[in-house]
Amino acid sequence: MAASQAPKKAGVFDIRLIIALLIGGYGLVLTIMGIGFTTEEELAKAADVNINLWAGIGMLVFAALFMLWAKLRPIVVPPSTEDGEGE
């Protein structure tokens, strides 16, 4: 009966999804800060590069790739070998 069951996937407990959520959250904050709250003075300090915006976009892309990786190659949890008999 155990052989006929479909393999279980890690789902929300997949560490890649947790990492993607954390990196994506920070990326979203940096992107918003880069778009809406960067002054000309801050840009002048950074050689006219909007560092918050570029770092935020990079982090969002990284998070999207992690989520895609977790979706395309899910972690399969091996079936339990305990059958509860003989003990």
Foldseek 3Di string as FASTA:
>chain_A
DLVPDDFDFCPPVPVLLVQLVVLLVQLVVLLCCLPPPDDPVNCVVVVNDSVSNVSSVVSNVVSVVSVVCCVVDTHTDDDDPDPPPDD
